[in-house]
Amino acid sequence: MKIVKDFELKEITTFHLPARCAWFATYDSEDELRDLLAGELCKTNKVMQIGGGSNLVFTSDFDGVILNTEICHIDTISQPGDEVVLRVGSGVVWDDLVKFCVEHNYYGIENMSYIPGKVGASAVQNIGSYGAEVKDVITRVRTMCVADGSIRYFDNSECRYAYRDSIFKKELKGKYIVTEVEYKLSTTPRFNLEYGPLKRLADLPDLTIAKVRDEIIAIRCAKLPDPKYVGSVGSFFTNPIVDSAFFEKFIELHSDAPHYLLDDGRVKIPAGWLIEHSGLKGHRCGGAVVWEKQCLVIANIDNALPDDVVRLYRFIIETVKDSFGVELVPEANII
């Protein structure tokens, strides 16, 4: 356990915006977390759990305690048939887990290679990319109750997963902290190559899970800024989902718009396309800019201040709504 007073958050968040917190506490076991939650520091201050800091936009200093998990383990708990179940600590870096699975030929999360953040956040956010969502491989989530330190498991169905959403982001926000996540993966090759740029891989005679991971990483690196050098939270907005009636009118006016039909009849429209075709590519507010290679991203290119980001993302929402009648919703957690 480590507790630091008046902590600078800029270097542990991928957006690199200037902000501080009153207290920053790390823990590497459930016992340490329980002690923190029961202690006077957490009982008398606001408390917020974070993971890798990759989806956070601090618009001001946080007058409270930031908790950060360092519970790091990857355990194989069962191998029924051609499946393998992994129990993973919430502090494991997500891409380290993906790399581990690829090296062991465990199929199911390779399409989510190179997503920043930690394992705990994967279960809260229902992360996903290139046709895959983590909800499809999570079996259950181990959590600790903030109020009394008790342990509770949530089965997949109890997590109420939806597109970039879960019960932990809504009804139970701030009430439970994820300490472990269990994933069920396949030891038999099961590739997911339906996403556009990946389709060409299906024709490779010697396709491997490692090649899929390499392709995903190459695509992401070509489109997204490296947060080591250019601050961002990756996708700033979720892709809007509209009903069929709205979409019929929309596609009549914008026949070239990419879209994805969902099982429930609704349609997902890429937010990046909407932003670009609203004329916002490269639009800048202070040190914050709409990333030209992927308009779904807001980047910190010149020591952006929180107000720069707030002004820019609000302007994007307003402009896209005026242009297309679609209201974008931030995927980033704005604090």
C-alpha atoms as a PDB file:
ATOM      1  CA  MET A   1       0.000   0.000   0.000  1.00  0.00           C
ATOM      2  CA  LYS A   2       1.199   3.486  -0.823  1.00  0.00           C
ATOM      3  CA  ILE A   3      -0.522   6.790  -0.032  1.00  0.00           C
ATOM      4  CA  VAL A   4       0.623  10.121  -1.479  1.00  0.00           C
ATOM      5  CA  LYS A   5      -0.776  13.532  -0.565  1.00  0.00           C
ATOM      6  CA  ASP A   6      -1.422  16.268  -3.170  1.00  0.00           C
ATOM      7  CA  PHE A   7      -0.702  14.010  -6.125  1.00  0.00           C
ATOM      8  CA  GLU A   8      -0.210  15.177  -9.729  1.00  0.00           C
ATOM      9  CA  LEU A   9      -2.498  13.147 -12.038  1.00  0.00           C
ATOM     10  CA  LYS A  10      -1.058  14.399 -15.316  1.00  0.00           C
ATOM     11  CA  GLU A  11       1.508  11.630 -15.717  1.00  0.00           C
ATOM     12  CA  ILE A  12      -0.754   8.701 -14.803  1.00  0.00           C
ATOM     13  CA  THR A  13      -3.618   9.664 -17.107  1.00  0.00           C
ATOM     14  CA  THR A  14      -3.248   9.248 -20.853  1.00  0.00           C
ATOM     15  CA  PHE A  15      -4.772  12.642 -21.655  1.00  0.00           C
ATOM     16  CA  HIS A  16      -2.000  14.364 -19.665  1.00  0.00           C
ATOM     17  CA  LEU A  17      -4.206  17.246 -18.539  1.00  0.00           C
ATOM     18  CA  PRO A  18      -3.012  19.215 -15.514  1.00  0.00           C
ATOM     19  CA  ALA A  19      -4.983  18.141 -12.429  1.00  0.00           C
ATOM     20  CA  ARG A  20      -4.219  17.057  -8.885  1.00  0.00           C
ATOM     21  CA  CYS A  21      -5.944  14.963  -6.266  1.00  0.00           C
ATOM     22  CA  ALA A  22      -5.846  15.448  -2.523  1.00  0.00           C
ATOM     23  CA  TRP A  23      -4.752  11.839  -1.942  1.00  0.00           C
ATOM     24  CA  PHE A  24      -3.575   9.020  -4.209  1.00  0.00           C
ATOM     25  CA  ALA A  25      -3.524   5.482  -2.820  1.00  0.00           C
ATOM     26  CA  THR A  26      -2.394   2.239  -4.467  1.00  0.00           C
ATOM     27  CA  TYR A  27      -3.066  -1.270  -3.175  1.00  0.00           C
ATOM     28  CA  ASP A  28      -1.900  -4.703  -4.312  1.00  0.00           C
ATOM     29  CA  SER A  29      -4.323  -6.994  -2.460  1.00  0.00           C
ATOM     30  CA  GLU A  30      -7.927  -7.146  -1.343  1.00  0.00           C
ATOM     31  CA  ASP A  31      -6.784  -6.901   2.272  1.00  0.00           C
ATOM     32  CA  GLU A  32      -5.036  -3.604   1.564  1.00  0.00           C
ATOM     33  CA  LEU A  33      -8.084  -2.301  -0.283  1.00  0.00           C
ATOM     34  CA  ARG A  34     -10.339  -3.293   2.609  1.00  0.00           C
ATOM     35  CA  ASP A  35      -8.044  -1.511   5.068  1.00  0.00           C
ATOM     36  CA  LEU A  36      -8.107   1.626   2.922  1.00  0.00           C
ATOM     37  CA  LEU A  37     -11.893   1.628   2.644  1.00  0.00           C
ATOM     38  CA  ALA A  38     -12.287   1.123   6.385  1.00  0.00           C
ATOM     39  CA  GLY A  39      -9.750   3.801   7.299  1.00  0.00           C
ATOM     40  CA  GLU A  40     -10.432   7.400   8.221  1.00  0.00           C
ATOM     41  CA  LEU A  41      -8.979   8.723   4.954  1.00  0.00           C
ATOM     42  CA  CYS A  42     -11.650   7.059   2.813  1.00  0.00           C
ATOM     43  CA  LYS A  43     -14.412   7.420   5.384  1.00  0.00           C
ATOM     44  CA  THR A  44     -14.016  11.211   5.552  1.00  0.00           C
ATOM     45  CA  ASN A  45     -13.285  12.011   1.875  1.00  0.00           C
ATOM     46  CA  LYS A  46     -14.747  11.415  -1.547  1.00  0.00           C
ATOM     47  CA  VAL A  47     -13.347   8.213  -3.056  1.00  0.00           C
ATOM     48  CA  MET A  48     -12.880   7.261  -6.688  1.00  0.00           C
ATOM     49  CA  GLN A  49     -11.358   4.093  -8.109  1.00  0.00           C
ATOM     50  CA  ILE A  50      -9.357   4.356 -11.333  1.00  0.00           C
ATOM     51  CA  GLY A  51      -7.466   1.847 -13.449  1.00  0.00           C
ATOM     52  CA  GLY A  52      -4.888   2.795 -16.040  1.00  0.00           C
ATOM     53  CA  GLY A  53      -6.113   6.378 -16.367  1.00  0.00           C
ATOM     54  CA  SER A  54      -6.846   5.855 -20.047  1.00  0.00           C
ATOM     55  CA  ASN A  55     -10.496   6.886 -20.074  1.00  0.00           C
ATOM     56  CA  LEU A  56     -10.465   9.835 -17.692  1.00  0.00           C
ATOM     57  CA  VAL A  57     -10.838  13.554 -18.335  1.00  0.00           C
ATOM     58  CA  PHE A  58     -10.253  15.552 -15.172  1.00  0.00           C
ATOM     59  CA  THR A  59     -11.758  18.998 -15.727  1.00  0.00           C
ATOM     60  CA  SER A  60     -10.481  20.227 -12.363  1.00  0.00           C
ATOM     61  CA  ASP A  61      -8.601  19.025  -9.293  1.00  0.00           C
ATOM     62  CA  PHE A  62     -10.185  16.132  -7.386  1.00  0.00           C
ATOM     63  CA  ASP A  63     -10.698  16.978  -3.722  1.00  0.00           C
ATOM     64  CA  GLY A  64     -10.698  13.428  -2.446  1.00  0.00           C
ATOM     65  CA  VAL A  65      -8.973  10.034  -2.573  1.00  0.00           C
ATOM     66  CA  ILE A  66      -8.052   8.345  -5.851  1.00  0.00           C
ATOM     67  CA  LEU A  67      -7.627   4.579  -5.482  1.00  0.00           C
ATOM     68  CA  ASN A  68      -5.525   2.663  -7.994  1.00  0.00           C
ATOM     69  CA  THR A  69      -5.351  -1.122  -8.176  1.00  0.00           C
ATOM     70  CA  GLU A  70      -2.087  -3.038  -8.420  1.00  0.00           C
ATOM     71  CA  ILE A  71      -3.635  -6.496  -7.910  1.00  0.00           C
ATOM     72  CA  CYS A  72      -1.672  -8.366 -10.548  1.00  0.00           C
ATOM     73  CA  HIS A  73      -2.054 -12.078 -11.244  1.00  0.00           C
ATOM     74  CA  ILE A  74      -3.154 -14.322 -14.106  1.00  0.00           C
ATOM     75  CA  ASP A  75      -4.301 -17.774 -12.970  1.00  0.00           C
ATOM     76  CA  THR A  76      -5.674 -20.662 -14.981  1.00  0.00           C
ATOM     77  CA  ILE A  77      -8.567 -22.061 -12.946  1.00  0.00           C
ATOM     78  CA  SER A  78     -10.068 -24.664 -15.289  1.00  0.00           C
ATOM     79  CA  GLN A  79      -9.741 -26.168 -18.744  1.00  0.00           C
ATOM     80  CA  PRO A  80     -12.989 -27.948 -19.673  1.00  0.00           C
ATOM     81  CA  GLY A  81     -12.715 -29.350 -23.199  1.00  0.00           C
ATOM     82  CA  ASP A  82     -11.395 -26.764 -25.626  1.00  0.00           C
ATOM     83  CA  GLU A  83     -12.002 -23.882 -23.214  1.00  0.00           C
ATOM     84  CA  VAL A  84      -9.783 -22.200 -20.685  1.00  0.00           C
ATOM     85  CA  VAL A  85     -10.911 -19.970 -17.821  1.00  0.00           C
ATOM     86  CA  LEU A  86      -8.537 -17.327 -16.516  1.00  0.00           C
ATOM     87  CA  ARG A  87      -8.856 -15.484 -13.216  1.00  0.00           C
ATOM     88  CA  VAL A  88      -7.098 -12.130 -13.581  1.00  0.00           C
ATOM     89  CA  GLY A  89      -6.319  -9.413 -11.060  1.00  0.00           C
ATOM     90  CA  SER A  90      -7.846  -6.015 -11.710  1.00  0.00           C
ATOM     91  CA  GLY A  91      -4.434  -4.320 -11.824  1.00  0.00           C
ATOM     92  CA  VAL A  92      -3.078  -6.346 -14.747  1.00  0.00           C
ATOM     93  CA  VAL A  93      -2.497  -4.127 -17.772  1.00  0.00           C
ATOM     94  CA  TRP A  94      -5.123  -5.142 -20.323  1.00  0.00           C
ATOM     95  CA  ASP A  95      -2.736  -5.491 -23.253  1.00  0.00           C
ATOM     96  CA  ASP A  96      -0.380  -7.594 -21.128  1.00  0.00           C
ATOM     97  CA  LEU A  97      -3.282 -10.009 -20.678  1.00  0.00           C
ATOM     98  CA  VAL A  98      -3.964 -10.023 -24.420  1.00  0.00           C
ATOM     99  CA  LYS A  99      -0.304 -10.709 -25.104  1.00  0.00           C
ATOM    100  CA  PHE A 100      -0.335 -13.547 -22.566  1.00  0.00           C
ATOM    101  CA  CYS A 101      -3.377 -15.117 -24.242  1.00  0.00           C
ATOM    102  CA  VAL A 102      -1.869 -14.821 -27.717  1.00  0.00           C
ATOM    103  CA  GLU A 103       1.366 -16.438 -26.534  1.00  0.00           C
ATOM    104  CA  HIS A 104      -0.650 -19.344 -25.085  1.00  0.00           C
ATOM    105  CA  ASN A 105      -3.015 -19.587 -28.090  1.00  0.00           C
ATOM    106  CA  TYR A 106      -6.086 -18.645 -26.058  1.00  0.00           C
ATOM    107  CA  TYR A 107      -8.636 -17.199 -28.489  1.00  0.00           C
ATOM    108  CA  GLY A 108     -11.232 -14.541 -27.780  1.00  0.00           C
ATOM    109  CA  ILE A 109      -9.627 -11.198 -26.937  1.00  0.00           C
ATOM    110  CA  GLU A 110      -6.954 -10.777 -29.610  1.00  0.00           C
ATOM    111  CA  ASN A 111      -9.146  -8.264 -31.502  1.00  0.00           C
ATOM    112  CA  MET A 112      -8.907  -6.039 -28.425  1.00  0.00           C
ATOM    113  CA  SER A 113      -5.128  -5.809 -28.627  1.00  0.00           C
ATOM    114  CA  TYR A 114      -3.468  -2.535 -27.675  1.00  0.00           C
ATOM    115  CA  ILE A 115      -6.458  -1.067 -25.868  1.00  0.00           C
ATOM    116  CA  PRO A 116      -4.997   0.945 -22.980  1.00  0.00           C
ATOM    117  CA  GLY A 117      -6.111   0.482 -19.386  1.00  0.00           C
ATOM    118  CA  LYS A 118      -6.329  -2.301 -16.833  1.00  0.00           C
ATOM    119  CA  VAL A 119      -8.322  -5.498 -16.458  1.00  0.00           C
ATOM    120  CA  GLY A 120     -10.658  -4.053 -13.827  1.00  0.00           C
ATOM    121  CA  ALA A 121     -11.777  -1.325 -16.201  1.00  0.00           C
ATOM    122  CA  SER A 122     -12.490  -3.865 -18.938  1.00  0.00           C
ATOM    123  CA  ALA A 123     -15.336  -5.274 -16.841  1.00  0.00           C
ATOM    124  CA  VAL A 124     -16.720  -1.846 -15.976  1.00  0.00           C
ATOM    125  CA  GLN A 125     -16.531  -0.305 -19.434  1.00  0.00           C
ATOM    126  CA  ASN A 126     -17.276  -3.410 -21.535  1.00  0.00           C
ATOM    127  CA  ILE A 127     -14.359  -2.516 -23.771  1.00  0.00           C
ATOM    128  CA  GLY A 128     -14.366  -3.615 -27.370  1.00  0.00           C
ATOM    129  CA  SER A 129     -12.844  -3.081 -30.789  1.00  0.00           C
ATOM    130  CA  TYR A 130     -12.809  -4.493 -34.302  1.00  0.00           C
ATOM    131  CA  GLY A 131     -15.962  -6.569 -33.901  1.00  0.00           C
ATOM    132  CA  ALA A 132     -15.280  -7.925 -30.400  1.00  0.00           C
ATOM    133  CA  GLU A 133     -16.589  -6.992 -26.953  1.00  0.00           C
ATOM    134  CA  VAL A 134     -15.222  -8.231 -23.655  1.00  0.00           C
ATOM    135  CA  LYS A 135     -18.715  -9.073 -22.369  1.00  0.00           C
ATOM    136  CA  ASP A 136     -18.671 -12.084 -24.670  1.00  0.00           C
ATOM    137  CA  VAL A 137     -15.814 -13.723 -22.749  1.00  0.00           C
ATOM    138  CA  ILE A 138     -16.399 -12.550 -19.162  1.00  0.00           C
ATOM    139  CA  THR A 139     -17.944 -15.231 -16.969  1.00  0.00           C
ATOM    140  CA  ARG A 140     -18.026 -13.382 -13.656  1.00  0.00           C
ATOM    141  CA  VAL A 141     -16.557 -10.392 -11.844  1.00  0.00           C
ATOM    142  CA  ARG A 142     -15.253 -10.371  -8.264  1.00  0.00           C
ATOM    143  CA  THR A 143     -15.839  -7.097  -6.424  1.00  0.00           C
ATOM    144  CA  MET A 144     -15.522  -5.484  -3.030  1.00  0.00           C
ATOM    145  CA  CYS A 145     -18.340  -3.461  -1.505  1.00  0.00           C
ATOM    146  CA  VAL A 146     -17.129   0.052  -0.725  1.00  0.00           C
ATOM    147  CA  ALA A 147     -19.481   0.386   2.242  1.00  0.00           C
ATOM    148  CA  ASP A 148     -18.459  -2.680   4.252  1.00  0.00           C
ATOM    149  CA  GLY A 149     -15.537  -4.416   2.471  1.00  0.00           C
ATOM    150  CA  SER A 150     -17.522  -7.577   1.724  1.00  0.00           C
ATOM    151  CA  ILE A 151     -16.842  -9.646  -1.395  1.00  0.00           C
ATOM    152  CA  ARG A 152     -19.524 -10.137  -4.023  1.00  0.00           C
ATOM    153  CA  TYR A 153     -19.408 -11.997  -7.324  1.00  0.00           C
ATOM    154  CA  PHE A 154     -21.414 -10.777 -10.315  1.00  0.00           C
ATOM    155  CA  ASP A 155     -22.208 -13.341 -13.014  1.00  0.00           C
ATOM    156  CA  ASN A 156     -22.135 -12.080 -16.584  1.00  0.00           C
ATOM    157  CA  SER A 157     -25.905 -11.650 -16.720  1.00  0.00           C
ATOM    158  CA  GLU A 158     -25.890  -9.598 -13.511  1.00  0.00           C
ATOM    159  CA  CYS A 159     -23.407  -7.147 -15.011  1.00  0.00           C
ATOM    160  CA  ARG A 160     -26.083  -5.940 -17.474  1.00  0.00           C
ATOM    161  CA  TYR A 161     -23.609  -5.425 -20.261  1.00  0.00           C
ATOM    162  CA  ALA A 162     -24.478  -3.232 -23.192  1.00  0.00           C
ATOM    163  CA  TYR A 163     -22.451  -1.223 -25.683  1.00  0.00           C
ATOM    164  CA  ARG A 164     -19.665   0.379 -23.578  1.00  0.00           C
ATOM    165  CA  ASP A 165     -21.865   0.024 -20.540  1.00  0.00           C
ATOM    166  CA  SER A 166     -22.468  -2.080 -17.438  1.00  0.00           C
ATOM    167  CA  ILE A 167     -24.209  -2.029 -14.074  1.00  0.00           C
ATOM    168  CA  PHE A 168     -20.937  -0.741 -12.600  1.00  0.00           C
ATOM    169  CA  LYS A 169     -21.245   2.476 -14.627  1.00  0.00           C
ATOM    170  CA  LYS A 170     -24.844   3.146 -13.637  1.00  0.00           C
ATOM    171  CA  GLU A 171     -26.802   1.704 -10.718  1.00  0.00           C
ATOM    172  CA  LEU A 172     -23.728   0.512  -8.842  1.00  0.00           C
ATOM    173  CA  LYS A 173     -21.321   3.291  -9.774  1.00  0.00           C
ATOM    174  CA  GLY A 174     -19.009   3.952  -6.848  1.00  0.00           C
ATOM    175  CA  LYS A 175     -20.554   1.172  -4.746  1.00  0.00           C
ATOM    176  CA  TYR A 176     -18.341  -1.764  -5.770  1.00  0.00           C
ATOM    177  CA  ILE A 177     -14.692  -2.008  -6.792  1.00  0.00           C
ATOM    178  CA  VAL A 178     -13.602  -4.733  -9.207  1.00  0.00           C
ATOM    179  CA  THR A 179     -10.762  -6.878  -7.827  1.00  0.00           C
ATOM    180  CA  GLU A 180     -10.746  -9.835 -10.266  1.00  0.00           C
ATOM    181  CA  VAL A 181     -12.284 -10.765 -13.597  1.00  0.00           C
ATOM    182  CA  GLU A 182     -12.784 -14.265 -14.983  1.00  0.00           C
ATOM    183  CA  TYR A 183     -12.632 -14.828 -18.736  1.00  0.00           C
ATOM    184  CA  LYS A 184     -13.588 -17.940 -20.697  1.00  0.00           C
ATOM    185  CA  LEU A 185     -11.482 -18.329 -23.827  1.00  0.00           C
ATOM    186  CA  SER A 186     -11.042 -20.987 -26.498  1.00  0.00           C
ATOM    187  CA  THR A 187      -8.009 -23.172 -27.116  1.00  0.00           C
ATOM    188  CA  THR A 188      -9.375 -23.949 -30.581  1.00  0.00           C
ATOM    189  CA  PRO A 189      -8.819 -21.330 -33.298  1.00  0.00           C
ATOM    190  CA  ARG A 190     -11.895 -19.092 -33.528  1.00  0.00           C
ATOM    191  CA  PHE A 191     -11.094 -15.966 -35.491  1.00  0.00           C
ATOM    192  CA  ASN A 192     -13.344 -12.904 -35.629  1.00  0.00           C
ATOM    193  CA  LEU A 193     -12.561 -11.257 -38.954  1.00  0.00           C
ATOM    194  CA  GLU A 194     -15.846  -9.547 -39.855  1.00  0.00           C
ATOM    195  CA  TYR A 195     -14.556  -6.036 -39.207  1.00  0.00           C
ATOM    196  CA  GLY A 196     -13.639  -4.400 -42.523  1.00  0.00           C
ATOM    197  CA  PRO A 197      -9.818  -4.225 -42.475  1.00  0.00           C
ATOM    198  CA  LEU A 198      -9.566  -7.721 -41.002  1.00  0.00           C
ATOM    199  CA  LYS A 199     -11.507  -9.510 -43.736  1.00  0.00           C
ATOM    200  CA  ARG A 200      -8.439  -9.869 -45.911  1.00  0.00           C
ATOM    201  CA  LEU A 201      -6.798 -12.017 -43.231  1.00  0.00           C
ATOM    202  CA  ALA A 202      -9.370 -14.754 -43.831  1.00  0.00           C
ATOM    203  CA  ASP A 203      -7.616 -15.659 -47.085  1.00  0.00           C
ATOM    204  CA  LEU A 204      -4.226 -16.248 -45.465  1.00  0.00           C
ATOM    205  CA  PRO A 205      -3.371 -19.964 -45.558  1.00  0.00           C
ATOM    206  CA  ASP A 206      -1.265 -19.803 -42.393  1.00  0.00           C
ATOM    207  CA  LEU A 207      -3.251 -17.394 -40.253  1.00  0.00           C
ATOM    208  CA  THR A 208      -2.319 -17.390 -36.580  1.00  0.00           C
ATOM    209  CA  ILE A 209      -3.607 -15.558 -33.550  1.00  0.00           C
ATOM    210  CA  ALA A 210      -0.287 -13.694 -33.420  1.00  0.00           C
ATOM    211  CA  LYS A 211      -0.826 -12.382 -36.956  1.00  0.00           C
ATOM    212  CA  VAL A 212      -4.277 -11.132 -36.011  1.00  0.00           C
ATOM    213  CA  ARG A 213      -2.813  -9.306 -33.020  1.00  0.00           C
ATOM    214  CA  ASP A 214      -0.059  -7.794 -35.170  1.00  0.00           C
ATOM    215  CA  GLU A 215      -2.633  -6.554 -37.676  1.00  0.00           C
ATOM    216  CA  ILE A 216      -4.787  -5.004 -34.955  1.00  0.00           C
ATOM    217  CA  ILE A 217      -1.803  -3.214 -33.464  1.00  0.00           C
ATOM    218  CA  ALA A 218      -0.739  -1.930 -36.890  1.00  0.00           C
ATOM    219  CA  ILE A 219      -4.236  -0.569 -37.567  1.00  0.00           C
ATOM    220  CA  ARG A 220      -4.454   1.138 -34.193  1.00  0.00           C
ATOM    221  CA  CYS A 221      -0.976   2.651 -34.437  1.00  0.00           C
ATOM    222  CA  ALA A 222      -1.765   4.042 -37.898  1.00  0.00           C
ATOM    223  CA  LYS A 223      -4.960   5.743 -36.712  1.00  0.00           C
ATOM    224  CA  LEU A 224      -4.512   6.652 -33.065  1.00  0.00           C
ATOM    225  CA  PRO A 225      -1.985   8.876 -31.297  1.00  0.00           C
ATOM    226  CA  ASP A 226       0.524   7.221 -29.000  1.00  0.00           C
ATOM    227  CA  PRO A 227      -0.384   8.523 -25.511  1.00  0.00           C
ATOM    228  CA  LYS A 228       3.294   8.425 -24.547  1.00  0.00           C
ATOM    229  CA  TYR A 229       3.796  11.397 -26.850  1.00  0.00           C
ATOM    230  CA  VAL A 230       0.329  12.795 -27.642  1.00  0.00           C
ATOM    231  CA  GLY A 231      -2.294  12.798 -24.920  1.00  0.00           C
ATOM    232  CA  SER A 232      -5.742  11.326 -25.592  1.00  0.00           C
ATOM    233  CA  VAL A 233      -8.284   8.893 -24.221  1.00  0.00           C
ATOM    234  CA  GLY A 234      -8.613   7.064 -27.516  1.00  0.00           C
ATOM    235  CA  SER A 235     -12.240   7.095 -28.631  1.00  0.00           C
ATOM    236  CA  PHE A 236     -13.755  10.148 -26.974  1.00  0.00           C
ATOM    237  CA  PHE A 237     -17.350   9.364 -28.020  1.00  0.00           C
ATOM    238  CA  THR A 238     -19.405   6.212 -28.334  1.00  0.00           C
ATOM    239  CA  ASN A 239     -20.752   5.353 -31.762  1.00  0.00           C
ATOM    240  CA  PRO A 240     -24.414   6.431 -31.725  1.00  0.00           C
ATOM    241  CA  ILE A 241     -27.120   3.798 -32.138  1.00  0.00           C
ATOM    242  CA  VAL A 242     -30.320   4.924 -33.851  1.00  0.00           C
ATOM    243  CA  ASP A 243     -33.650   3.257 -34.512  1.00  0.00           C
ATOM    244  CA  SER A 244     -34.612   2.009 -37.966  1.00  0.00           C
ATOM    245  CA  ALA A 245     -37.076   4.830 -38.652  1.00  0.00           C
ATOM    246  CA  PHE A 246     -34.429   7.503 -38.063  1.00  0.00           C
ATOM    247  CA  PHE A 247     -31.863   5.557 -40.063  1.00  0.00           C
ATOM    248  CA  GLU A 248     -34.109   5.251 -43.117  1.00  0.00           C
ATOM    249  CA  LYS A 249     -34.351   9.034 -43.332  1.00  0.00           C
ATOM    250  CA  PHE A 250     -30.665   9.465 -42.509  1.00  0.00           C
ATOM    251  CA  ILE A 251     -29.378   7.097 -45.205  1.00  0.00           C
ATOM    252  CA  GLU A 252     -31.562   8.739 -47.856  1.00  0.00           C
ATOM    253  CA  LEU A 253     -29.618  11.938 -47.297  1.00  0.00           C
ATOM    254  CA  HIS A 254     -26.217  10.331 -46.632  1.00  0.00           C
ATOM    255  CA  SER A 255     -26.023   7.206 -48.757  1.00  0.00           C
ATOM    256  CA  ASP A 256     -22.243   6.924 -48.325  1.00  0.00           C
ATOM    257  CA  ALA A 257     -22.357   6.748 -44.521  1.00  0.00           C
ATOM    258  CA  PRO A 258     -20.894   3.542 -43.076  1.00  0.00           C
ATOM    259  CA  HIS A 259     -23.217   1.732 -40.690  1.00  0.00           C
ATOM    260  CA  TYR A 260     -23.674  -1.542 -38.856  1.00  0.00           C
ATOM    261  CA  LEU A 261     -26.979  -3.356 -38.393  1.00  0.00           C
ATOM    262  CA  LEU A 262     -27.563  -4.684 -34.888  1.00  0.00           C
ATOM    263  CA  ASP A 263     -29.489  -7.791 -33.922  1.00  0.00           C
ATOM    264  CA  ASP A 264     -32.323  -5.750 -32.409  1.00  0.00           C
ATOM    265  CA  GLY A 265     -32.958  -3.865 -35.661  1.00  0.00           C
ATOM    266  CA  ARG A 266     -31.222  -0.668 -34.621  1.00  0.00           C
ATOM    267  CA  VAL A 267     -28.238   0.736 -36.505  1.00  0.00           C
ATOM    268  CA  LYS A 268     -24.821   1.898 -35.287  1.00  0.00           C
ATOM    269  CA  ILE A 269     -23.275   4.860 -37.113  1.00  0.00           C
ATOM    270  CA  PRO A 270     -19.550   5.623 -36.639  1.00  0.00           C
ATOM    271  CA  ALA A 271     -19.131   8.787 -34.602  1.00  0.00           C
ATOM    272  CA  GLY A 272     -15.831   9.495 -36.342  1.00  0.00           C
ATOM    273  CA  TRP A 273     -17.605   9.686 -39.722  1.00  0.00           C
ATOM    274  CA  LEU A 274     -20.217  12.073 -38.329  1.00  0.00           C
ATOM    275  CA  ILE A 275     -17.544  14.321 -36.839  1.00  0.00           C
ATOM    276  CA  GLU A 276     -15.439  14.345 -40.001  1.00  0.00           C
ATOM    277  CA  HIS A 277     -18.437  15.047 -42.234  1.00  0.00           C
ATOM    278  CA  SER A 278     -19.470  17.886 -39.966  1.00  0.00           C
ATOM    279  CA  GLY A 279     -16.275  19.604 -41.110  1.00  0.00           C
ATOM    280  CA  LEU A 280     -14.483  19.189 -37.803  1.00  0.00           C
ATOM    281  CA  LYS A 281     -11.356  17.291 -38.820  1.00  0.00           C
ATOM    282  CA  GLY A 282      -8.427  19.205 -37.319  1.00  0.00           C
ATOM    283  CA  HIS A 283     -10.703  21.636 -35.486  1.00  0.00           C
ATOM    284  CA  ARG A 284      -8.869  23.068 -32.502  1.00  0.00           C
ATOM    285  CA  CYS A 285      -9.636  24.717 -29.190  1.00  0.00           C
ATOM    286  CA  GLY A 286      -6.442  25.860 -27.509  1.00  0.00           C
ATOM    287  CA  GLY A 287      -4.177  22.850 -27.170  1.00  0.00           C
ATOM    288  CA  ALA A 288      -6.929  20.303 -27.923  1.00  0.00           C
ATOM    289  CA  VAL A 289      -7.656  19.150 -31.465  1.00  0.00           C
ATOM    290  CA  VAL A 290      -9.829  16.701 -33.399  1.00  0.00           C
ATOM    291  CA  TRP A 291      -7.269  14.111 -34.521  1.00  0.00           C
ATOM    292  CA  GLU A 292      -7.038  14.174 -38.309  1.00  0.00           C
ATOM    293  CA  LYS A 293      -6.277  10.460 -38.703  1.00  0.00           C
ATOM    294  CA  GLN A 294      -9.306   9.447 -36.619  1.00  0.00           C
ATOM    295  CA  CYS A 295     -11.907  12.092 -35.840  1.00  0.00           C
ATOM    296  CA  LEU A 296     -13.293  10.024 -32.964  1.00  0.00           C
ATOM    297  CA  VAL A 297     -10.221  11.135 -31.020  1.00  0.00           C
ATOM    298  CA  ILE A 298      -9.562  14.418 -29.246  1.00  0.00           C
ATOM    299  CA  ALA A 299      -5.828  14.890 -28.817  1.00  0.00           C
ATOM    300  CA  ASN A 300      -3.739  17.025 -26.498  1.00  0.00           C
ATOM    301  CA  ILE A 301      -1.166  18.403 -28.916  1.00  0.00           C
ATOM    302  CA  ASP A 302      -0.016  21.558 -27.152  1.00  0.00           C
ATOM    303  CA  ASN A 303      -0.315  21.440 -23.361  1.00  0.00           C
ATOM    304  CA  ALA A 304      -4.094  21.536 -23.479  1.00  0.00           C
ATOM    305  CA  LEU A 305      -5.976  22.777 -20.453  1.00  0.00           C
ATOM    306  CA  PRO A 306      -9.123  21.016 -19.208  1.00  0.00           C
ATOM    307  CA  ASP A 307     -11.223  23.936 -20.445  1.00  0.00           C
ATOM    308  CA  ASP A 308      -9.823  23.475 -23.976  1.00  0.00           C
ATOM    309  CA  VAL A 309     -11.087  19.887 -24.021  1.00  0.00           C
ATOM    310  CA  VAL A 310     -14.465  20.791 -22.543  1.00  0.00           C
ATOM    311  CA  ARG A 311     -15.039  23.553 -25.083  1.00  0.00           C
ATOM    312  CA  LEU A 312     -14.007  21.281 -27.944  1.00  0.00           C
ATOM    313  CA  TYR A 313     -16.083  18.236 -27.053  1.00  0.00           C
ATOM    314  CA  ARG A 314     -19.171  20.374 -26.406  1.00  0.00           C
ATOM    315  CA  PHE A 315     -18.683  22.113 -29.750  1.00  0.00           C
ATOM    316  CA  ILE A 316     -18.397  18.725 -31.467  1.00  0.00           C
ATOM    317  CA  ILE A 317     -21.660  17.519 -29.901  1.00  0.00           C
ATOM    318  CA  GLU A 318     -23.448  20.718 -30.907  1.00  0.00           C
ATOM    319  CA  THR A 319     -22.110  20.718 -34.474  1.00  0.00           C
ATOM    320  CA  VAL A 320     -22.865  17.044 -35.169  1.00  0.00           C
ATOM    321  CA  LYS A 321     -26.390  17.452 -33.826  1.00  0.00           C
ATOM    322  CA  ASP A 322     -26.952  20.474 -36.065  1.00  0.00           C
ATOM    323  CA  SER A 323     -25.513  18.622 -39.071  1.00  0.00           C
ATOM    324  CA  PHE A 324     -27.149  15.206 -38.692  1.00  0.00           C
ATOM    325  CA  GLY A 325     -29.687  15.320 -35.885  1.00  0.00           C
ATOM    326  CA  VAL A 326     -27.601  12.842 -33.898  1.00  0.00           C
ATOM    327  CA  GLU A 327     -26.419  13.650 -30.383  1.00  0.00           C
ATOM    328  CA  LEU A 328     -23.047  12.177 -29.513  1.00  0.00           C
ATOM    329  CA  VAL A 329     -22.354  10.865 -26.018  1.00  0.00           C
ATOM    330  CA  PRO A 330     -18.834  10.898 -24.541  1.00  0.00           C
ATOM    331  CA  GLU A 331     -17.302   7.489 -23.938  1.00  0.00           C
ATOM    332  CA  ALA A 332     -14.668   9.180 -21.807  1.00  0.00           C
ATOM    333  CA  ASN A 333     -15.366   9.531 -18.099  1.00  0.00           C
ATOM    334  CA  ILE A 334     -15.507  13.283 -17.576  1.00  0.00           C
ATOM    335  CA  ILE A 335     -14.820  14.257 -13.966  1.00  0.00           C
END
